[in-house]
């Protein structure tokens, strides 16, 4: 009897979705760690917190609002 490996694997849809969601979460964690791991990243965070405290930010409820806010900057 000879055993052969196939070149394709069948993965159930719900499992694939769950794996992708966990991958996205891990990717976000890694991006955060990278941002915290360099001096420029920490400076951006510090500046952002100061802007937030001073209410120097714009809110948007739609893609159009985002576009308009970006065009003003």
N, C-alpha and C. Protein backbone atom coordinates (compact mmCIF):
# COMPACT_ATOMS: atom_id res chain seq x y z
N UNK A 1 0.84 -1.19 0.00
CA UNK A 1 0.00 0.00 0.00
C UNK A 1 0.88 1.25 0.00
N UNK A 2 0.61 2.19 -0.90
CA UNK A 2 1.38 3.42 -1.02
C UNK A 2 0.51 4.58 -0.57
N UNK A 3 1.04 5.41 0.36
CA UNK A 3 0.32 6.59 0.81
C UNK A 3 0.81 7.80 0.03
N UNK A 4 -0.10 8.62 -0.41
CA UNK A 4 0.25 9.83 -1.17
C UNK A 4 -0.32 11.05 -0.46
N UNK A 5 0.44 12.11 -0.46
CA UNK A 5 -0.05 13.39 0.06
C UNK A 5 -0.64 14.17 -1.09
N UNK A 6 -1.73 14.83 -0.83
CA UNK A 6 -2.33 15.66 -1.87
C UNK A 6 -1.74 17.05 -1.80
N UNK A 7 -1.90 17.80 -2.85
CA UNK A 7 -1.38 19.16 -2.88
C UNK A 7 -2.39 20.17 -2.37
N UNK A 8 -3.60 19.75 -2.09
CA UNK A 8 -4.64 20.66 -1.61
C UNK A 8 -5.24 20.10 -0.33
N UNK A 9 -5.67 21.01 0.51
CA UNK A 9 -6.29 20.63 1.77
C UNK A 9 -7.64 21.33 1.85
N UNK A 10 -8.63 20.62 2.24
CA UNK A 10 -9.95 21.19 2.41
C UNK A 10 -10.08 21.72 3.84
N UNK A 11 -10.43 23.00 3.96
CA UNK A 11 -10.59 23.62 5.27
C UNK A 11 -12.02 24.12 5.37
N UNK A 12 -12.72 23.72 6.42
CA UNK A 12 -14.11 24.20 6.59
C UNK A 12 -14.16 25.73 6.66
N UNK A 13 -15.16 26.31 6.03
CA UNK A 13 -15.32 27.77 6.00
C UNK A 13 -15.29 28.44 7.35
N UNK A 14 -16.05 27.95 8.35
CA UNK A 14 -16.04 28.60 9.66
C UNK A 14 -14.64 28.59 10.32
N UNK A 15 -13.92 27.52 10.13
CA UNK A 15 -12.56 27.45 10.70
C UNK A 15 -11.65 28.45 10.01
N UNK A 16 -11.75 28.56 8.70
CA UNK A 16 -10.94 29.51 7.94
C UNK A 16 -11.25 30.94 8.38
N UNK A 17 -12.53 31.24 8.58
CA UNK A 17 -12.93 32.58 9.03
C UNK A 17 -12.35 32.88 10.41
N UNK A 18 -12.43 31.91 11.32
CA UNK A 18 -11.90 32.10 12.67
C UNK A 18 -10.38 32.30 12.64
N UNK A 19 -9.70 31.54 11.83
CA UNK A 19 -8.24 31.69 11.70
C UNK A 19 -7.88 33.07 11.18
N UNK A 20 -8.63 33.54 10.19
CA UNK A 20 -8.37 34.86 9.62
C UNK A 20 -8.61 35.95 10.66
N UNK A 21 -9.68 35.83 11.45
CA UNK A 21 -9.98 36.83 12.48
C UNK A 21 -8.86 36.88 13.52
N UNK A 22 -8.36 35.72 13.93
CA UNK A 22 -7.27 35.69 14.92
C UNK A 22 -5.99 36.25 14.31
N UNK A 23 -5.76 35.98 13.03
CA UNK A 23 -4.59 36.54 12.36
C UNK A 23 -4.66 38.07 12.38
N UNK A 24 -5.84 38.62 12.11
CA UNK A 24 -6.01 40.08 12.10
C UNK A 24 -5.73 40.65 13.48
N UNK A 25 -6.18 39.98 14.54
CA UNK A 25 -5.94 40.45 15.90
C UNK A 25 -4.45 40.42 16.23
N UNK A 26 -3.77 39.36 15.85
CA UNK A 26 -2.34 39.25 16.11
C UNK A 26 -1.58 40.32 15.34
N UNK A 27 -2.02 40.59 14.11
CA UNK A 27 -1.38 41.62 13.31
C UNK A 27 -1.51 42.99 13.97
N UNK A 28 -2.67 43.28 14.56
CA UNK A 28 -2.88 44.55 15.27
C UNK A 28 -1.98 44.64 16.49
N UNK A 29 -1.85 43.55 17.22
CA UNK A 29 -0.98 43.53 18.41
C UNK A 29 0.47 43.78 18.00
N UNK A 30 0.91 43.13 16.94
CA UNK A 30 2.29 43.33 16.47
C UNK A 30 2.52 44.77 16.03
N UNK A 31 1.55 45.37 15.36
CA UNK A 31 1.68 46.77 14.92
C UNK A 31 1.78 47.69 16.14
N UNK A 32 0.99 47.41 17.17
CA UNK A 32 1.04 48.21 18.39
C UNK A 32 2.40 48.08 19.07
N UNK A 33 2.90 46.87 19.18
CA UNK A 33 4.20 46.65 19.80
C UNK A 33 5.31 47.35 19.01
N UNK A 34 5.19 47.32 17.69
CA UNK A 34 6.18 48.00 16.85
C UNK A 34 6.14 49.51 17.10
N UNK A 35 4.94 50.06 17.20
CA UNK A 35 4.78 51.50 17.45
C UNK A 35 5.35 51.89 18.81
N UNK A 36 5.11 51.04 19.81
CA UNK A 36 5.62 51.32 21.15
C UNK A 36 7.13 51.08 21.26
N UNK A 37 7.66 50.33 20.31
CA UNK A 37 9.07 49.95 20.38
C UNK A 37 10.03 50.94 19.77
N UNK A 38 9.54 52.05 19.22
CA UNK A 38 10.49 53.03 18.67
C UNK A 38 10.17 54.42 19.19
N UNK A 39 11.18 55.23 19.23
CA UNK A 39 11.07 56.57 19.81
C UNK A 39 10.05 57.44 19.07
N UNK A 40 10.08 57.38 17.74
CA UNK A 40 9.15 58.20 16.96
C UNK A 40 7.70 57.80 17.24
N UNK A 41 7.47 56.51 17.40
CA UNK A 41 6.13 56.03 17.71
C UNK A 41 5.62 56.57 19.03
N UNK A 42 6.49 56.54 20.03
CA UNK A 42 6.10 57.06 21.35
C UNK A 42 5.84 58.57 21.28
N UNK A 43 6.64 59.28 20.47
CA UNK A 43 6.41 60.73 20.31
C UNK A 43 5.06 60.99 19.65
N UNK A 44 4.70 60.19 18.64
CA UNK A 44 3.39 60.35 17.98
C UNK A 44 2.25 60.12 18.97
N UNK A 45 2.40 59.11 19.80
CA UNK A 45 1.37 58.81 20.80
C UNK A 45 1.24 59.97 21.78
N UNK A 46 2.38 60.47 22.25
CA UNK A 46 2.38 61.59 23.20
C UNK A 46 1.69 62.82 22.58
N UNK A 47 2.07 63.14 21.33
CA UNK A 47 1.47 64.28 20.63
C UNK A 47 -0.03 64.09 20.45
N UNK A 48 -0.43 62.88 20.10
CA UNK A 48 -1.85 62.59 19.89
C UNK A 48 -2.65 62.75 21.17
N UNK A 49 -2.09 62.29 22.28
CA UNK A 49 -2.78 62.44 23.56
C UNK A 49 -2.94 63.91 23.93
N UNK A 50 -1.92 64.72 23.66
CA UNK A 50 -2.01 66.15 23.94
C UNK A 50 -3.08 66.80 23.06
N UNK A 51 -3.13 66.43 21.77
CA UNK A 51 -4.15 66.96 20.88
C UNK A 51 -5.55 66.54 21.34
N UNK A 52 -5.68 65.33 21.79
CA UNK A 52 -6.98 64.83 22.26
C UNK A 52 -7.44 65.63 23.48
N UNK A 53 -6.52 65.86 24.42
CA UNK A 53 -6.88 66.62 25.63
C UNK A 53 -7.32 68.03 25.28
N UNK A 54 -6.71 68.61 24.25
CA UNK A 54 -7.05 69.97 23.82
C UNK A 54 -8.23 69.99 22.85
N UNK A 55 -8.79 68.81 22.58
CA UNK A 55 -9.90 68.64 21.64
C UNK A 55 -9.54 69.13 20.24
N UNK A 56 -8.30 68.90 19.85
CA UNK A 56 -7.82 69.26 18.51
C UNK A 56 -7.95 68.07 17.57
N UNK A 57 -9.17 67.65 17.35
CA UNK A 57 -9.41 66.52 16.46
C UNK A 57 -10.74 66.73 15.74
N UNK A 58 -10.94 65.96 14.70
CA UNK A 58 -12.15 66.07 13.89
C UNK A 58 -12.88 64.73 13.95
N UNK A 59 -14.21 64.77 14.04
CA UNK A 59 -14.99 63.54 13.99
C UNK A 59 -15.69 63.46 12.64
N UNK A 60 -15.93 62.25 12.19
CA UNK A 60 -16.59 62.04 10.91
C UNK A 60 -17.57 60.89 11.04
N UNK A 61 -18.73 61.05 10.41
CA UNK A 61 -19.76 60.02 10.48
C UNK A 61 -19.93 59.27 9.16
N UNK A 62 -19.26 59.73 8.14
CA UNK A 62 -19.41 59.09 6.83
C UNK A 62 -18.11 59.22 6.05
N UNK A 63 -17.97 58.42 5.01
CA UNK A 63 -16.79 58.55 4.15
C UNK A 63 -16.66 59.96 3.56
N UNK A 64 -17.78 60.57 3.26
CA UNK A 64 -17.75 61.94 2.72
C UNK A 64 -17.16 62.90 3.75
N UNK A 65 -17.57 62.77 5.02
CA UNK A 65 -17.03 63.62 6.08
C UNK A 65 -15.51 63.43 6.21
N UNK A 66 -15.07 62.19 6.09
CA UNK A 66 -13.64 61.90 6.17
C UNK A 66 -12.90 62.60 5.03
N UNK A 67 -13.44 62.47 3.83
CA UNK A 67 -12.84 63.09 2.65
C UNK A 67 -12.74 64.61 2.84
N UNK A 68 -13.83 65.22 3.32
CA UNK A 68 -13.84 66.67 3.52
C UNK A 68 -12.82 67.09 4.57
N UNK A 69 -12.70 66.33 5.65
CA UNK A 69 -11.73 66.65 6.70
C UNK A 69 -10.30 66.54 6.17
N UNK A 70 -10.05 65.55 5.36
CA UNK A 70 -8.71 65.38 4.81
C UNK A 70 -8.36 66.48 3.81
N UNK A 71 -9.34 66.95 3.07
CA UNK A 71 -9.09 68.00 2.08
C UNK A 71 -8.80 69.35 2.76
N UNK A 72 -9.31 69.56 3.96
CA UNK A 72 -9.08 70.79 4.69
C UNK A 72 -7.66 70.83 5.27
N UNK A 73 -7.11 69.66 5.56
CA UNK A 73 -5.80 69.60 6.21
C UNK A 73 -4.66 69.96 5.32
